[in-house]
Amino acid sequence: MSATLIAARQKQPLSFLVAKPPDPTRLGLTAGLARRTFGEFMSIYLLALLIGVVAGLRTMTAPAAVSIGAAAGWLPLSGTWAAFMGFRFTPYVAGLLALVEFVGDQLPSTPSRKVPQQFGARIVSGAFCGAVLGTVGGAMLPALVAGVIGAIIGTLGGYEARKRLVAAIGGKDLPIALLEDAVAVLLALWVVSSVS
């Protein structure tokens, strides 16, 4: 062994056994990029939660907004399992179903959103739309879960808010129902336009 190698080993004994972490700059990463990536993932989770809330308010508004976002190019879904959301006629079909739901919600015979069929449909809608947003962000399963949680929050929270607001204005349901429709549509469009 050469004298310089022996001297180097004496200064750092067993250094060859300790793995050095890779230099992030050599990998093309920076601390800002890591924070931005974490922020992007958190953004997808938050947006999936919010689209779930929309599904909890109005079952078909969330898929209608997601299909509009996909067709408009806001959600890059081509080549994924959810590419059909951006097909030519999908926004029209989903939008028509959302309009039927808006009208049906005003009918006195419409059951409560808390009955199992209504509640289940809202959860499925929130899960599906959350998964679609998660597909765009590379985190489908966690976004699906966030969509389910959002749908539960939207269903139960929307029910309580609507009930209290109707009572506060003297029992008139129509203005509050229209307000809820507007909130659902605007929130849904904001969510799908915010996905990057």
N, C-alpha and C. Protein backbone atom coordinates (compact mmCIF):
# COMPACT_ATOMS: atom_id res chain seq x y z
N MET A 1 0.83 -1.18 0.00
CA MET A 1 0.00 0.00 0.00
C MET A 1 0.87 1.23 0.00
N SER A 2 0.44 2.24 -0.70
CA SER A 2 1.23 3.46 -0.75
C SER A 2 1.05 4.25 0.53
N ALA A 3 1.98 5.12 0.80
CA ALA A 3 1.95 5.92 2.03
C ALA A 3 0.76 6.88 2.03
N THR A 4 0.38 7.43 0.89
CA THR A 4 -0.76 8.35 0.85
C THR A 4 -2.07 7.64 1.12
N LEU A 5 -2.22 6.42 0.64
CA LEU A 5 -3.44 5.65 0.88
C LEU A 5 -3.55 5.29 2.36
N ILE A 6 -2.42 4.89 2.96
CA ILE A 6 -2.41 4.57 4.39
C ILE A 6 -2.76 5.81 5.20
N ALA A 7 -2.23 6.94 4.84
CA ALA A 7 -2.50 8.18 5.57
C ALA A 7 -3.97 8.58 5.42
N ALA A 8 -4.53 8.37 4.26
CA ALA A 8 -5.94 8.70 4.05
C ALA A 8 -6.84 7.80 4.88
N ARG A 9 -6.49 6.53 4.99
CA ARG A 9 -7.31 5.60 5.78
C ARG A 9 -7.18 5.89 7.26
N GLN A 10 -6.04 6.38 7.69
CA GLN A 10 -5.88 6.70 9.10
C GLN A 10 -6.73 7.91 9.48
N LYS A 11 -6.90 8.86 8.57
CA LYS A 11 -7.73 10.04 8.83
C LYS A 11 -9.21 9.67 8.87
N GLN A 12 -9.64 8.78 8.01
CA GLN A 12 -11.03 8.35 7.94
C GLN A 12 -11.09 6.83 7.98
N PRO A 13 -10.97 6.24 9.17
CA PRO A 13 -10.98 4.78 9.21
C PRO A 13 -12.34 4.24 8.81
N LEU A 14 -12.35 3.20 8.07
CA LEU A 14 -13.55 2.50 7.60
C LEU A 14 -14.48 3.39 6.76
N SER A 15 -13.98 4.45 6.20
CA SER A 15 -14.82 5.35 5.40
C SER A 15 -15.37 4.65 4.17
N PHE A 16 -14.69 3.63 3.71
CA PHE A 16 -15.17 2.90 2.54
C PHE A 16 -16.42 2.08 2.84
N LEU A 17 -16.73 1.86 4.16
CA LEU A 17 -17.92 1.11 4.52
C LEU A 17 -19.16 2.00 4.65
N VAL A 18 -18.96 3.28 4.77
CA VAL A 18 -20.08 4.21 4.96
C VAL A 18 -20.50 4.75 3.60
N ALA A 19 -21.75 4.52 3.25
CA ALA A 19 -22.26 5.01 1.96
C ALA A 19 -22.51 6.50 2.06
N LYS A 20 -22.04 7.21 1.09
CA LYS A 20 -22.28 8.65 1.05
C LYS A 20 -23.57 8.91 0.29
N PRO A 21 -24.39 9.82 0.80
CA PRO A 21 -25.60 10.14 0.05
C PRO A 21 -25.24 10.81 -1.27
N PRO A 22 -26.01 10.57 -2.31
CA PRO A 22 -25.69 11.20 -3.59
C PRO A 22 -25.89 12.70 -3.51
N ASP A 23 -25.10 13.40 -4.27
CA ASP A 23 -25.21 14.85 -4.34
C ASP A 23 -26.46 15.21 -5.13
N PRO A 24 -27.44 15.92 -4.50
CA PRO A 24 -28.68 16.21 -5.22
C PRO A 24 -28.47 17.05 -6.47
N THR A 25 -27.45 17.89 -6.47
CA THR A 25 -27.25 18.73 -7.65
C THR A 25 -26.75 17.90 -8.83
N ARG A 26 -26.03 16.81 -8.56
CA ARG A 26 -25.58 15.93 -9.64
C ARG A 26 -26.74 15.15 -10.22
N LEU A 27 -27.80 14.94 -9.44
CA LEU A 27 -28.98 14.24 -9.93
C LEU A 27 -29.98 15.18 -10.60
N GLY A 28 -29.66 16.46 -10.61
CA GLY A 28 -30.57 17.43 -11.22
C GLY A 28 -31.68 17.87 -10.29
N LEU A 29 -31.52 17.62 -9.01
CA LEU A 29 -32.55 17.99 -8.04
C LEU A 29 -32.06 19.15 -7.18
N THR A 30 -32.98 19.94 -6.75
CA THR A 30 -32.67 21.00 -5.80
C THR A 30 -33.69 20.94 -4.69
N ALA A 31 -33.41 21.61 -3.59
CA ALA A 31 -34.36 21.63 -2.47
C ALA A 31 -35.67 22.28 -2.91
N GLY A 32 -35.60 23.29 -3.75
CA GLY A 32 -36.82 23.95 -4.23
C GLY A 32 -37.69 23.00 -5.04
N LEU A 33 -37.04 22.17 -5.86
CA LEU A 33 -37.79 21.19 -6.66
C LEU A 33 -38.46 20.17 -5.76
N ALA A 34 -37.74 19.72 -4.73
CA ALA A 34 -38.32 18.74 -3.82
C ALA A 34 -39.53 19.34 -3.10
N ARG A 35 -39.42 20.60 -2.66
CA ARG A 35 -40.56 21.26 -2.01
C ARG A 35 -41.70 21.43 -2.99
N ARG A 36 -41.41 21.81 -4.20
CA ARG A 36 -42.45 22.00 -5.19
C ARG A 36 -43.14 20.67 -5.49
N THR A 37 -42.39 19.59 -5.58
CA THR A 37 -42.99 18.29 -5.84
C THR A 37 -43.89 17.90 -4.68
N PHE A 38 -43.44 18.08 -3.46
CA PHE A 38 -44.28 17.79 -2.30
C PHE A 38 -45.52 18.67 -2.34
N GLY A 39 -45.34 19.94 -2.67
CA GLY A 39 -46.48 20.87 -2.77
C GLY A 39 -47.45 20.46 -3.87
N GLU A 40 -46.91 19.97 -4.98
CA GLU A 40 -47.78 19.52 -6.07
C GLU A 40 -48.60 18.31 -5.64
N PHE A 41 -47.94 17.38 -4.92
CA PHE A 41 -48.70 16.23 -4.43
C PHE A 41 -49.77 16.67 -3.44
N MET A 42 -49.43 17.57 -2.55
CA MET A 42 -50.43 18.04 -1.59
C MET A 42 -51.54 18.79 -2.32
N SER A 43 -51.20 19.49 -3.37
CA SER A 43 -52.20 20.20 -4.17
C SER A 43 -53.16 19.21 -4.81
N ILE A 44 -52.65 18.11 -5.35
CA ILE A 44 -53.52 17.10 -5.96
C ILE A 44 -54.45 16.52 -4.92
N TYR A 45 -53.92 16.24 -3.73
CA TYR A 45 -54.77 15.68 -2.67
C TYR A 45 -55.86 16.66 -2.28
N LEU A 46 -55.50 17.92 -2.15
CA LEU A 46 -56.49 18.95 -1.79
C LEU A 46 -57.54 19.10 -2.89
N LEU A 47 -57.10 19.12 -4.14
CA LEU A 47 -58.03 19.24 -5.25
C LEU A 47 -58.93 18.01 -5.36
N ALA A 48 -58.39 16.83 -5.08
CA ALA A 48 -59.21 15.61 -5.08
C ALA A 48 -60.23 15.66 -3.95
N LEU A 49 -59.83 16.17 -2.80
CA LEU A 49 -60.76 16.33 -1.69
C LEU A 49 -61.89 17.29 -2.08
N LEU A 50 -61.52 18.39 -2.72
CA LEU A 50 -62.53 19.38 -3.10
C LEU A 50 -63.46 18.88 -4.20
N ILE A 51 -62.95 18.10 -5.15
CA ILE A 51 -63.85 17.55 -6.17
C ILE A 51 -64.77 16.53 -5.53
N GLY A 52 -64.29 15.87 -4.48
CA GLY A 52 -65.16 15.00 -3.70
C GLY A 52 -66.26 15.77 -2.99
N VAL A 53 -65.92 16.94 -2.46
CA VAL A 53 -66.94 17.80 -1.83
C VAL A 53 -68.00 18.18 -2.86
N VAL A 54 -67.56 18.50 -4.06
CA VAL A 54 -68.51 18.83 -5.13
C VAL A 54 -69.43 17.64 -5.39
N ALA A 55 -68.86 16.44 -5.45
CA ALA A 55 -69.68 15.24 -5.66
C ALA A 55 -70.65 15.04 -4.52
N GLY A 56 -70.26 15.41 -3.32
CA GLY A 56 -71.17 15.32 -2.18
C GLY A 56 -72.31 16.31 -2.27
N LEU A 57 -72.04 17.47 -2.87
CA LEU A 57 -73.10 18.47 -3.06
C LEU A 57 -74.02 18.08 -4.21
N ARG A 58 -73.43 17.75 -5.34
CA ARG A 58 -74.17 17.37 -6.54
C ARG A 58 -73.43 16.23 -7.22
N THR A 59 -74.04 15.07 -7.24
CA THR A 59 -73.38 13.84 -7.69
C THR A 59 -72.76 13.96 -9.07
N MET A 60 -73.51 14.49 -10.03
CA MET A 60 -73.05 14.50 -11.42
C MET A 60 -72.28 15.75 -11.81
N THR A 61 -72.25 16.75 -10.95
CA THR A 61 -71.50 17.96 -11.28
C THR A 61 -70.00 17.69 -11.33
N ALA A 62 -69.52 16.86 -10.42
CA ALA A 62 -68.09 16.56 -10.40
C ALA A 62 -67.63 15.85 -11.68
N PRO A 63 -68.29 14.76 -12.11
CA PRO A 63 -67.85 14.15 -13.37
C PRO A 63 -68.03 15.06 -14.58
N ALA A 64 -69.08 15.89 -14.56
CA ALA A 64 -69.27 16.82 -15.67
C ALA A 64 -68.11 17.80 -15.75
N ALA A 65 -67.70 18.33 -14.59
CA ALA A 65 -66.58 19.28 -14.58
C ALA A 65 -65.28 18.61 -14.99
N VAL A 66 -65.05 17.39 -14.51
CA VAL A 66 -63.83 16.67 -14.88
C VAL A 66 -63.80 16.41 -16.38
N SER A 67 -64.94 16.05 -16.96
CA SER A 67 -64.95 15.79 -18.41
C SER A 67 -64.76 17.08 -19.20
N ILE A 68 -65.33 18.17 -18.71
CA ILE A 68 -65.10 19.47 -19.36
C ILE A 68 -63.62 19.84 -19.28
N GLY A 69 -63.02 19.63 -18.10
CA GLY A 69 -61.60 19.92 -17.94
C GLY A 69 -60.73 19.07 -18.85
N ALA A 70 -61.09 17.81 -19.00
CA ALA A 70 -60.32 16.92 -19.88
C ALA A 70 -60.48 17.34 -21.34
N ALA A 71 -61.71 17.66 -21.73
CA ALA A 71 -61.95 18.07 -23.12
C ALA A 71 -61.28 19.41 -23.44
N ALA A 72 -61.21 20.29 -22.44
CA ALA A 72 -60.59 21.60 -22.65
C ALA A 72 -59.07 21.55 -22.60
N GLY A 73 -58.52 20.39 -22.22
CA GLY A 73 -57.07 20.27 -22.14
C GLY A 73 -56.48 20.66 -20.80
N TRP A 74 -57.30 20.97 -19.83
CA TRP A 74 -56.81 21.31 -18.49
C TRP A 74 -56.29 20.08 -17.77
N LEU A 75 -56.87 18.93 -18.09
CA LEU A 75 -56.48 17.67 -17.47
C LEU A 75 -55.88 16.77 -18.56
N PRO A 76 -54.58 16.60 -18.58
CA PRO A 76 -53.96 15.77 -19.62
C PRO A 76 -54.17 14.29 -19.33
N LEU A 77 -55.22 13.72 -19.90
CA LEU A 77 -55.60 12.34 -19.63
C LEU A 77 -55.36 11.39 -20.79
N SER A 78 -54.94 11.89 -21.94
CA SER A 78 -54.76 11.00 -23.08
C SER A 78 -53.67 9.97 -22.76
N GLY A 79 -53.96 8.74 -23.13
CA GLY A 79 -53.01 7.66 -22.85
C GLY A 79 -53.17 7.05 -21.46
N THR A 80 -54.17 7.49 -20.71
CA THR A 80 -54.41 6.92 -19.38
C THR A 80 -55.74 6.16 -19.40
N TRP A 81 -56.03 5.47 -18.31
CA TRP A 81 -57.29 4.73 -18.19
C TRP A 81 -58.48 5.69 -18.24
N ALA A 82 -58.28 6.96 -17.90
CA ALA A 82 -59.37 7.93 -17.84
C ALA A 82 -59.46 8.79 -19.10
N ALA A 83 -58.81 8.38 -20.17
CA ALA A 83 -58.80 9.19 -21.40
C ALA A 83 -60.21 9.42 -21.93
N PHE A 84 -61.13 8.48 -21.68
CA PHE A 84 -62.50 8.63 -22.19
C PHE A 84 -63.20 9.87 -21.63
N MET A 85 -62.71 10.41 -20.51
CA MET A 85 -63.32 11.61 -19.95
C MET A 85 -63.13 12.82 -20.88
N GLY A 86 -62.14 12.76 -21.73
CA GLY A 86 -61.90 13.85 -22.66
C GLY A 86 -62.43 13.60 -24.07
N PHE A 87 -63.13 12.48 -24.27
CA PHE A 87 -63.70 12.20 -25.58
C PHE A 87 -64.72 13.26 -25.94
N ARG A 88 -64.99 13.36 -27.20
CA ARG A 88 -65.82 14.43 -27.75
C ARG A 88 -67.19 14.57 -27.09
N PHE A 89 -67.89 13.46 -26.85
CA PHE A 89 -69.26 13.54 -26.36
C PHE A 89 -69.38 13.40 -24.85
N THR A 90 -68.31 13.03 -24.17
CA THR A 90 -68.39 12.83 -22.72
C THR A 90 -68.85 14.08 -21.97
N PRO A 91 -68.32 15.27 -22.26
CA PRO A 91 -68.80 16.45 -21.53
C PRO A 91 -70.29 16.72 -21.76
N TYR A 92 -70.78 16.43 -22.94
CA TYR A 92 -72.20 16.66 -23.22
C TYR A 92 -73.09 15.71 -22.42
N VAL A 93 -72.69 14.44 -22.38
CA VAL A 93 -73.48 13.45 -21.65
C VAL A 93 -73.43 13.76 -20.15
N ALA A 94 -72.24 13.98 -19.62
CA ALA A 94 -72.11 14.27 -18.19
C ALA A 94 -72.79 15.59 -17.84
N GLY A 95 -72.68 16.57 -18.71
CA GLY A 95 -73.35 17.86 -18.46
C GLY A 95 -74.86 17.72 -18.46
N LEU A 96 -75.39 16.92 -19.37
CA LEU A 96 -76.83 16.68 -19.41
C LEU A 96 -77.30 15.98 -18.13
N LEU A 97 -76.53 15.00 -17.68
CA LEU A 97 -76.88 14.32 -16.43
C LEU A 97 -76.83 15.28 -15.24
N ALA A 98 -75.87 16.19 -15.24
CA ALA A 98 -75.79 17.19 -14.17
C ALA A 98 -77.00 18.12 -14.20
N LEU A 99 -77.43 18.53 -15.41
CA LEU A 99 -78.61 19.39 -15.52
C LEU A 99 -79.87 18.67 -15.04
N VAL A 100 -80.00 17.39 -15.38
CA VAL A 100 -81.14 16.61 -14.92
C VAL A 100 -81.13 16.55 -13.39
N GLU A 101 -79.95 16.40 -12.82
CA GLU A 101 -79.85 16.37 -11.36
C GLU A 101 -80.24 17.71 -10.75
N PHE A 102 -79.82 18.81 -11.37
CA PHE A 102 -80.20 20.14 -10.85
C PHE A 102 -81.72 20.29 -10.82
N VAL A 103 -82.38 19.86 -11.88
CA VAL A 103 -83.84 19.96 -11.95
C VAL A 103 -84.48 19.00 -10.95
N GLY A 104 -83.99 17.77 -10.93
CA GLY A 104 -84.55 16.77 -10.03
C GLY A 104 -84.42 17.13 -8.57
N ASP A 105 -83.37 17.87 -8.24
CA ASP A 105 -83.17 18.27 -6.85
C ASP A 105 -84.27 19.20 -6.35
N GLN A 106 -84.92 19.91 -7.26
CA GLN A 106 -85.97 20.85 -6.88
C GLN A 106 -87.31 20.17 -6.64
N LEU A 107 -87.44 18.92 -7.05
CA LEU A 107 -88.72 18.22 -6.91
C LEU A 107 -88.93 17.77 -5.47
N PRO A 108 -90.17 17.91 -4.98
CA PRO A 108 -90.44 17.50 -3.60
C PRO A 108 -90.30 16.00 -3.37
N SER A 109 -90.41 15.20 -4.41
CA SER A 109 -90.32 13.75 -4.28
C SER A 109 -88.88 13.23 -4.23
N THR A 110 -87.91 14.12 -4.43
CA THR A 110 -86.51 13.70 -4.43
C THR A 110 -86.09 13.27 -3.03
N PRO A 111 -85.52 12.07 -2.90
CA PRO A 111 -85.12 11.60 -1.57
C PRO A 111 -83.92 12.37 -1.02
N SER A 112 -83.73 12.26 0.26
CA SER A 112 -82.60 12.91 0.93
C SER A 112 -81.29 12.38 0.39
N ARG A 113 -80.29 13.22 0.38
CA ARG A 113 -78.96 12.80 -0.06
C ARG A 113 -78.32 11.83 0.91
N LYS A 114 -78.92 11.66 2.08
CA LYS A 114 -78.36 10.78 3.09
C LYS A 114 -78.90 9.35 3.03
N VAL A 115 -79.87 9.08 2.14
CA VAL A 115 -80.33 7.70 2.00
C VAL A 115 -79.21 6.90 1.33
N PRO A 116 -79.13 5.59 1.58
CA PRO A 116 -77.98 4.82 1.11
C PRO A 116 -77.69 4.94 -0.40
N GLN A 117 -78.72 4.93 -1.24
CA GLN A 117 -78.47 4.99 -2.69
C GLN A 117 -77.86 6.34 -3.07
N GLN A 118 -78.42 7.41 -2.54
CA GLN A 118 -77.90 8.75 -2.86
C GLN A 118 -76.49 8.93 -2.30
N PHE A 119 -76.32 8.54 -1.04
CA PHE A 119 -75.03 8.68 -0.38
C PHE A 119 -73.97 7.86 -1.11
N GLY A 120 -74.32 6.61 -1.45
CA GLY A 120 -73.38 5.74 -2.16
C GLY A 120 -72.99 6.29 -3.52
N ALA A 121 -73.95 6.83 -4.24
CA ALA A 121 -73.64 7.41 -5.56
C ALA A 121 -72.69 8.59 -5.43
N ARG A 122 -72.85 9.38 -4.40
CA ARG A 122 -71.97 10.54 -4.18
C ARG A 122 -70.56 10.08 -3.83
N ILE A 123 -70.47 9.02 -3.05
CA ILE A 123 -69.14 8.49 -2.70
C ILE A 123 -68.45 7.92 -3.93
N VAL A 124 -69.18 7.17 -4.74
CA VAL A 124 -68.60 6.62 -5.97
C VAL A 124 -68.16 7.74 -6.91
N SER A 125 -68.99 8.77 -7.05
CA SER A 125 -68.64 9.90 -7.90
C SER A 125 -67.39 10.61 -7.39
N GLY A 126 -67.32 10.84 -6.08
CA GLY A 126 -66.14 11.49 -5.50
C GLY A 126 -64.89 10.65 -5.67
N ALA A 127 -65.02 9.32 -5.47
CA ALA A 127 -63.87 8.43 -5.63
C ALA A 127 -63.38 8.44 -7.07
N PHE A 128 -64.32 8.33 -8.01
CA PHE A 128 -63.95 8.31 -9.43
C PHE A 128 -63.25 9.61 -9.83
N CYS A 129 -63.86 10.74 -9.49
CA CYS A 129 -63.28 12.03 -9.89
C CYS A 129 -61.96 12.30 -9.18
N GLY A 130 -61.85 11.88 -7.92
CA GLY A 130 -60.57 12.00 -7.23
C GLY A 130 -59.49 11.17 -7.90
N ALA A 131 -59.86 9.94 -8.31
CA ALA A 131 -58.89 9.07 -9.00
C ALA A 131 -58.45 9.67 -10.33
N VAL A 132 -59.37 10.30 -11.04
CA VAL A 132 -59.01 10.94 -12.31
C VAL A 132 -58.00 12.06 -12.06
N LEU A 133 -58.28 12.90 -11.07
CA LEU A 133 -57.33 13.98 -10.76
C LEU A 133 -56.00 13.40 -10.29
N GLY A 134 -56.07 12.33 -9.51
CA GLY A 134 -54.84 11.69 -9.05
C GLY A 134 -54.04 11.08 -10.18
N THR A 135 -54.71 10.61 -11.22
CA THR A 135 -54.02 10.09 -12.39
C THR A 135 -53.18 11.18 -13.04
N VAL A 136 -53.74 12.37 -13.12
CA VAL A 136 -53.01 13.51 -13.68
C VAL A 136 -51.79 13.83 -12.82
N GLY A 137 -51.96 13.76 -11.50
CA GLY A 137 -50.88 14.11 -10.59
C GLY A 137 -49.97 12.96 -10.20
N GLY A 138 -50.22 11.76 -10.72
CA GLY A 138 -49.36 10.63 -10.42
C GLY A 138 -49.61 10.00 -9.06
N ALA A 139 -50.78 10.20 -8.50
CA ALA A 139 -51.09 9.65 -7.18
C ALA A 139 -52.55 9.22 -7.15
N MET A 140 -52.90 8.24 -7.97
CA MET A 140 -54.30 7.88 -8.16
C MET A 140 -54.96 7.37 -6.88
N LEU A 141 -54.36 6.41 -6.21
CA LEU A 141 -55.00 5.80 -5.06
C LEU A 141 -55.21 6.78 -3.90
N PRO A 142 -54.18 7.54 -3.49
CA PRO A 142 -54.42 8.51 -2.42
C PRO A 142 -55.46 9.58 -2.81
N ALA A 143 -55.47 9.97 -4.06
CA ALA A 143 -56.46 10.96 -4.52
C ALA A 143 -57.85 10.36 -4.53
N LEU A 144 -57.97 9.07 -4.85
CA LEU A 144 -59.26 8.39 -4.78
C LEU A 144 -59.79 8.43 -3.35
N VAL A 145 -58.92 8.14 -2.38
CA VAL A 145 -59.32 8.19 -0.97
C VAL A 145 -59.72 9.60 -0.57
N ALA A 146 -58.96 10.59 -1.03
CA ALA A 146 -59.30 11.99 -0.74
C ALA A 146 -60.65 12.34 -1.35
N GLY A 147 -60.95 11.82 -2.53
CA GLY A 147 -62.25 12.06 -3.16
C GLY A 147 -63.39 11.47 -2.35
N VAL A 148 -63.18 10.28 -1.79
CA VAL A 148 -64.20 9.65 -0.95
C VAL A 148 -64.44 10.49 0.30
N ILE A 149 -63.35 10.90 0.93
CA ILE A 149 -63.48 11.73 2.15
C ILE A 149 -64.21 13.03 1.82
N GLY A 150 -63.84 13.65 0.70
CA GLY A 150 -64.50 14.88 0.29
C GLY A 150 -65.98 14.67 0.02
N ALA A 151 -66.33 13.54 -0.59
CA ALA A 151 -67.74 13.25 -0.86
C ALA A 151 -68.54 13.10 0.43
N ILE A 152 -67.95 12.47 1.41
CA ILE A 152 -68.62 12.33 2.70
C ILE A 152 -68.80 13.70 3.35
N ILE A 153 -67.76 14.52 3.31
CA ILE A 153 -67.84 15.87 3.86
C ILE A 153 -68.89 16.69 3.11
N GLY A 154 -68.87 16.62 1.79
CA GLY A 154 -69.82 17.38 0.99
C GLY A 154 -71.25 16.94 1.20
N THR A 155 -71.46 15.63 1.32
CA THR A 155 -72.82 15.11 1.52
C THR A 155 -73.38 15.54 2.87
N LEU A 156 -72.65 15.24 3.92
CA LEU A 156 -73.14 15.55 5.26
C LEU A 156 -73.10 17.05 5.55
N GLY A 157 -72.01 17.69 5.17
CA GLY A 157 -71.89 19.13 5.39
C GLY A 157 -72.87 19.93 4.55
N GLY A 158 -73.05 19.52 3.30
CA GLY A 158 -74.02 20.20 2.43
C GLY A 158 -75.44 20.06 2.95
N TYR A 159 -75.76 18.89 3.46
CA TYR A 159 -77.10 18.65 4.02
C TYR A 159 -77.35 19.58 5.22
N GLU A 160 -76.38 19.61 6.14
CA GLU A 160 -76.54 20.45 7.34
C GLU A 160 -76.58 21.93 6.98
N ALA A 161 -75.69 22.35 6.10
CA ALA A 161 -75.66 23.76 5.70
C ALA A 161 -76.96 24.17 5.04
N ARG A 162 -77.43 23.34 4.14
CA ARG A 162 -78.69 23.66 3.44
C ARG A 162 -79.86 23.71 4.42
N LYS A 163 -79.93 22.75 5.32
CA LYS A 163 -81.01 22.70 6.30
C LYS A 163 -81.00 23.96 7.17
N ARG A 164 -79.84 24.37 7.62
CA ARG A 164 -79.73 25.55 8.50
C ARG A 164 -80.01 26.85 7.74
N LEU A 165 -79.53 26.94 6.51
CA LEU A 165 -79.78 28.15 5.73
C LEU A 165 -81.25 28.28 5.36
N VAL A 166 -81.89 27.17 5.04
CA VAL A 166 -83.32 27.20 4.73
C VAL A 166 -84.10 27.66 5.96
N ALA A 167 -83.74 27.16 7.12
CA ALA A 167 -84.42 27.57 8.35
C ALA A 167 -84.17 29.05 8.64
N ALA A 168 -82.96 29.52 8.33
CA ALA A 168 -82.61 30.92 8.61
C ALA A 168 -83.38 31.90 7.74
N ILE A 169 -83.78 31.48 6.53
CA ILE A 169 -84.52 32.41 5.66
C ILE A 169 -86.01 32.13 5.66
N GLY A 170 -86.48 31.38 6.64
CA GLY A 170 -87.92 31.19 6.78
C GLY A 170 -88.48 30.00 6.05
N GLY A 171 -87.69 28.99 5.73
CA GLY A 171 -88.21 27.77 5.14
C GLY A 171 -88.27 27.74 3.63
N LYS A 172 -87.70 28.72 2.94
CA LYS A 172 -87.70 28.72 1.46
C LYS A 172 -86.49 27.95 0.96
N ASP A 173 -86.76 26.81 0.34
CA ASP A 173 -85.69 25.92 -0.09
C ASP A 173 -85.07 26.31 -1.42
N LEU A 174 -85.86 26.84 -2.34
CA LEU A 174 -85.38 27.10 -3.70
C LEU A 174 -84.16 28.02 -3.75
N PRO A 175 -84.14 29.16 -3.05
CA PRO A 175 -82.94 30.01 -3.14
C PRO A 175 -81.67 29.32 -2.63
N ILE A 176 -81.83 28.53 -1.59
CA ILE A 176 -80.66 27.83 -1.04
C ILE A 176 -80.23 26.71 -1.97
N ALA A 177 -81.17 26.03 -2.60
CA ALA A 177 -80.84 24.97 -3.56
C ALA A 177 -80.08 25.56 -4.75
N LEU A 178 -80.53 26.70 -5.23
CA LEU A 178 -79.84 27.35 -6.35
C LEU A 178 -78.45 27.84 -5.94
N LEU A 179 -78.34 28.32 -4.71
CA LEU A 179 -77.03 28.72 -4.19
C LEU A 179 -76.09 27.52 -4.11
N GLU A 180 -76.62 26.39 -3.65
CA GLU A 180 -75.82 25.17 -3.58
C GLU A 180 -75.39 24.72 -4.97
N ASP A 181 -76.28 24.82 -5.95
CA ASP A 181 -75.93 24.50 -7.34
C ASP A 181 -74.77 25.38 -7.82
N ALA A 182 -74.89 26.67 -7.56
CA ALA A 182 -73.86 27.61 -8.01
C ALA A 182 -72.52 27.32 -7.34
N VAL A 183 -72.55 27.05 -6.05
CA VAL A 183 -71.30 26.73 -5.33
C VAL A 183 -70.67 25.47 -5.92
N ALA A 184 -71.47 24.45 -6.16
CA ALA A 184 -70.94 23.20 -6.71
C ALA A 184 -70.31 23.42 -8.09
N VAL A 185 -71.00 24.15 -8.95
CA VAL A 185 -70.48 24.37 -10.31
C VAL A 185 -69.20 25.20 -10.28
N LEU A 186 -69.21 26.29 -9.54
CA LEU A 186 -68.03 27.17 -9.50
C LEU A 186 -66.84 26.47 -8.85
N LEU A 187 -67.08 25.75 -7.76
CA LEU A 187 -65.98 25.03 -7.12
C LEU A 187 -65.43 23.95 -8.05
N ALA A 188 -66.30 23.23 -8.72
CA ALA A 188 -65.86 22.17 -9.63
C ALA A 188 -65.01 22.74 -10.77
N LEU A 189 -65.46 23.82 -11.37
CA LEU A 189 -64.69 24.41 -12.46
C LEU A 189 -63.36 24.98 -11.97
N TRP A 190 -63.35 25.54 -10.77
CA TRP A 190 -62.09 26.05 -10.21
C TRP A 190 -61.11 24.88 -9.98
N VAL A 191 -61.62 23.78 -9.45
CA VAL A 191 -60.75 22.63 -9.16
C VAL A 191 -60.13 22.10 -10.44
N VAL A 192 -60.93 21.83 -11.46
CA VAL A 192 -60.37 21.21 -12.67
C VAL A 192 -59.47 22.17 -13.44
N SER A 193 -59.69 23.47 -13.28
CA SER A 193 -58.81 24.42 -13.96
C SER A 193 -57.52 24.66 -13.16
N SER A 194 -57.47 24.20 -11.91
CA SER A 194 -56.30 24.40 -11.07
C SER A 194 -55.30 23.25 -11.12
N VAL A 195 -55.70 22.14 -11.69
CA VAL A 195 -54.79 20.99 -11.79
C VAL A 195 -53.71 21.33 -12.81
N SER A 196 -52.47 21.10 -12.41
CA SER A 196 -51.38 21.42 -13.35
C SER A 196 -50.65 20.18 -13.79
